[in-house]
C-alpha atoms as a PDB file:
ATOM      1  CA  MET A   1       0.000   0.000   0.000  1.00  0.00           C
ATOM      2  CA  LYS A   2       1.164   3.460  -0.762  1.00  0.00           C
ATOM      3  CA  GLU A   3       0.024   6.374   1.321  1.00  0.00           C
ATOM      4  CA  GLN A   4      -0.362   9.811  -0.144  1.00  0.00           C
ATOM      5  CA  GLY A   5      -1.700  12.400   2.248  1.00  0.00           C
ATOM      6  CA  ASN A   6      -4.867  11.010   3.837  1.00  0.00           C
ATOM      7  CA  ASN A   7      -5.676   8.781   0.840  1.00  0.00           C
ATOM      8  CA  THR A   8      -4.651   5.131   0.720  1.00  0.00           C
ATOM      9  CA  HIS A   9      -4.081   3.443  -2.653  1.00  0.00           C
ATOM     10  CA  ARG A  10      -3.974  -0.278  -3.331  1.00  0.00           C
ATOM     11  CA  VAL A  11      -1.883  -1.773  -6.092  1.00  0.00           C
ATOM     12  CA  SER A  12      -3.477  -4.770  -7.815  1.00  0.00           C
ATOM     13  CA  SER A  13      -2.277  -7.251 -10.416  1.00  0.00           C
ATOM     14  CA  ILE A  14      -3.923  -5.728 -13.452  1.00  0.00           C
ATOM     15  CA  GLY A  15      -2.530  -6.345 -16.922  1.00  0.00           C
ATOM     16  CA  SER A  16      -1.412  -3.714 -19.388  1.00  0.00           C
ATOM     17  CA  HIS A  17      -4.953  -3.144 -20.684  1.00  0.00           C
ATOM     18  CA  GLY A  18      -6.494  -2.604 -17.253  1.00  0.00           C
ATOM     19  CA  ARG A  19      -7.843  -6.158 -16.991  1.00  0.00           C
ATOM     20  CA  LEU A  20      -7.015  -8.801 -14.418  1.00  0.00           C
ATOM     21  CA  SER A  21      -4.404 -11.168 -15.784  1.00  0.00           C
ATOM     22  CA  LYS A  22      -5.616 -14.612 -16.918  1.00  0.00           C
ATOM     23  CA  PRO A  23      -4.009 -17.975 -16.071  1.00  0.00           C
ATOM     24  CA  VAL A  24      -3.709 -18.754 -19.814  1.00  0.00           C
ATOM     25  CA  GLU A  25      -2.163 -17.031 -22.827  1.00  0.00           C
ATOM     26  CA  LEU A  26      -3.370 -17.006 -26.417  1.00  0.00           C
ATOM     27  CA  GLY A  27      -1.574 -19.642 -28.502  1.00  0.00           C
ATOM     28  CA  ASN A  28      -0.100 -21.499 -25.524  1.00  0.00           C
ATOM     29  CA  GLU A  29      -0.752 -25.208 -24.909  1.00  0.00           C
ATOM     30  CA  TYR A  30      -2.007 -26.733 -21.646  1.00  0.00           C
ATOM     31  CA  ASP A  31      -2.808 -30.214 -20.320  1.00  0.00           C
ATOM     32  CA  VAL A  32      -6.411 -30.396 -19.087  1.00  0.00           C
ATOM     33  CA  GLU A  33      -9.175 -32.835 -18.236  1.00  0.00           C
ATOM     34  CA  ILE A  34     -12.692 -32.333 -19.589  1.00  0.00           C
ATOM     35  CA  THR A  35     -15.019 -32.335 -16.576  1.00  0.00           C
ATOM     36  CA  ASP A  36     -18.330 -31.185 -18.073  1.00  0.00           C
ATOM     37  CA  ARG A  37     -20.236 -30.585 -21.323  1.00  0.00           C
ATOM     38  CA  GLY A  38     -21.290 -27.308 -22.867  1.00  0.00           C
ATOM     39  CA  LYS A  39     -24.942 -26.307 -23.276  1.00  0.00           C
ATOM     40  CA  SER A  40     -27.391 -28.698 -24.895  1.00  0.00           C
ATOM     41  CA  GLY A  41     -26.476 -29.263 -28.538  1.00  0.00           C
ATOM     42  CA  SER A  42     -22.929 -27.956 -28.076  1.00  0.00           C
ATOM     43  CA  THR A  43     -19.943 -30.106 -29.033  1.00  0.00           C
ATOM     44  CA  ASP A  44     -17.745 -28.244 -26.533  1.00  0.00           C
ATOM     45  CA  GLY A  45     -16.280 -29.898 -23.471  1.00  0.00           C
ATOM     46  CA  ILE A  46     -15.478 -27.827 -20.409  1.00  0.00           C
ATOM     47  CA  ALA A  47     -12.193 -27.797 -18.503  1.00  0.00           C
ATOM     48  CA  LYS A  48     -10.828 -25.328 -15.958  1.00  0.00           C
ATOM     49  CA  ILE A  49      -7.386 -23.857 -15.461  1.00  0.00           C
ATOM     50  CA  GLN A  50      -6.990 -22.093 -12.105  1.00  0.00           C
ATOM     51  CA  GLY A  51     -10.761 -21.504 -12.052  1.00  0.00           C
ATOM     52  CA  LEU A  52     -10.976 -20.093 -15.593  1.00  0.00           C
ATOM     53  CA  VAL A  53     -13.511 -21.973 -17.745  1.00  0.00           C
ATOM     54  CA  ILE A  54     -12.029 -23.361 -20.969  1.00  0.00           C
ATOM     55  CA  PHE A  55     -14.440 -24.388 -23.760  1.00  0.00           C
ATOM     56  CA  VAL A  56     -12.758 -27.156 -25.748  1.00  0.00           C
ATOM     57  CA  LYS A  57     -14.113 -27.893 -29.228  1.00  0.00           C
ATOM     58  CA  ASP A  58     -15.143 -31.587 -29.498  1.00  0.00           C
ATOM     59  CA  GLY A  59     -13.949 -32.367 -25.958  1.00  0.00           C
ATOM     60  CA  LYS A  60     -15.674 -35.257 -24.177  1.00  0.00           C
ATOM     61  CA  VAL A  61     -16.116 -35.686 -20.419  1.00  0.00           C
ATOM     62  CA  GLY A  62     -13.197 -37.698 -19.038  1.00  0.00           C
ATOM     63  CA  ASP A  63     -10.777 -36.783 -21.856  1.00  0.00           C
ATOM     64  CA  LYS A  64      -7.256 -35.956 -20.644  1.00  0.00           C
ATOM     65  CA  ILE A  65      -5.898 -33.826 -23.442  1.00  0.00           C
ATOM     66  CA  ARG A  66      -3.436 -31.148 -24.508  1.00  0.00           C
ATOM     67  CA  VAL A  67      -5.190 -28.037 -25.827  1.00  0.00           C
ATOM     68  CA  LYS A  68      -4.152 -24.831 -27.565  1.00  0.00           C
ATOM     69  CA  ILE A  69      -5.858 -21.590 -26.504  1.00  0.00           C
ATOM     70  CA  THR A  70      -7.556 -19.982 -29.524  1.00  0.00           C
ATOM     71  CA  ALA A  71      -9.489 -17.131 -27.877  1.00  0.00           C
ATOM     72  CA  ILE A  72      -9.696 -15.433 -24.491  1.00  0.00           C
ATOM     73  CA  GLY A  73     -12.811 -13.681 -23.200  1.00  0.00           C
ATOM     74  CA  GLU A  74     -13.517 -11.832 -19.968  1.00  0.00           C
ATOM     75  CA  ARG A  75     -14.601 -14.954 -18.039  1.00  0.00           C
ATOM     76  CA  TYR A  76     -13.593 -17.844 -20.278  1.00  0.00           C
ATOM     77  CA  ALA A  77     -11.231 -19.074 -22.968  1.00  0.00           C
ATOM     78  CA  LYS A  78     -11.711 -21.274 -26.037  1.00  0.00           C
ATOM     79  CA  ALA A  79      -9.332 -24.027 -27.079  1.00  0.00           C
ATOM     80  CA  GLU A  80      -8.821 -26.754 -29.654  1.00  0.00           C
ATOM     81  CA  ILE A  81      -7.448 -30.225 -29.026  1.00  0.00           C
ATOM     82  CA  VAL A  82      -3.773 -30.743 -29.899  1.00  0.00           C
ATOM     83  CA  THR A  83      -3.420 -34.344 -28.655  1.00  0.00           C
ATOM     84  CA  ARG A  84      -5.470 -36.869 -26.694  1.00  0.00           C
ATOM     85  CA  THR A  85      -3.727 -38.948 -24.030  1.00  0.00           C
END
């Protein structure tokens, strides 16, 4: 904390664009396990990395896979399967 006069300021871990940093980076690969399915009719599987929801195209519950991050949103990321283990 940094004090300036009577005001107290907190420093947080916000990225360069004023957003909280995410546990994944665009284009990087991660090992995940699909733990849930997307909405009805969706072919997406759902995994989590440090609490961030990852929608994995064609992922099936129980799959242990390596994925590549293809998009990052405010509360989620999208990924495609690189390899199945």
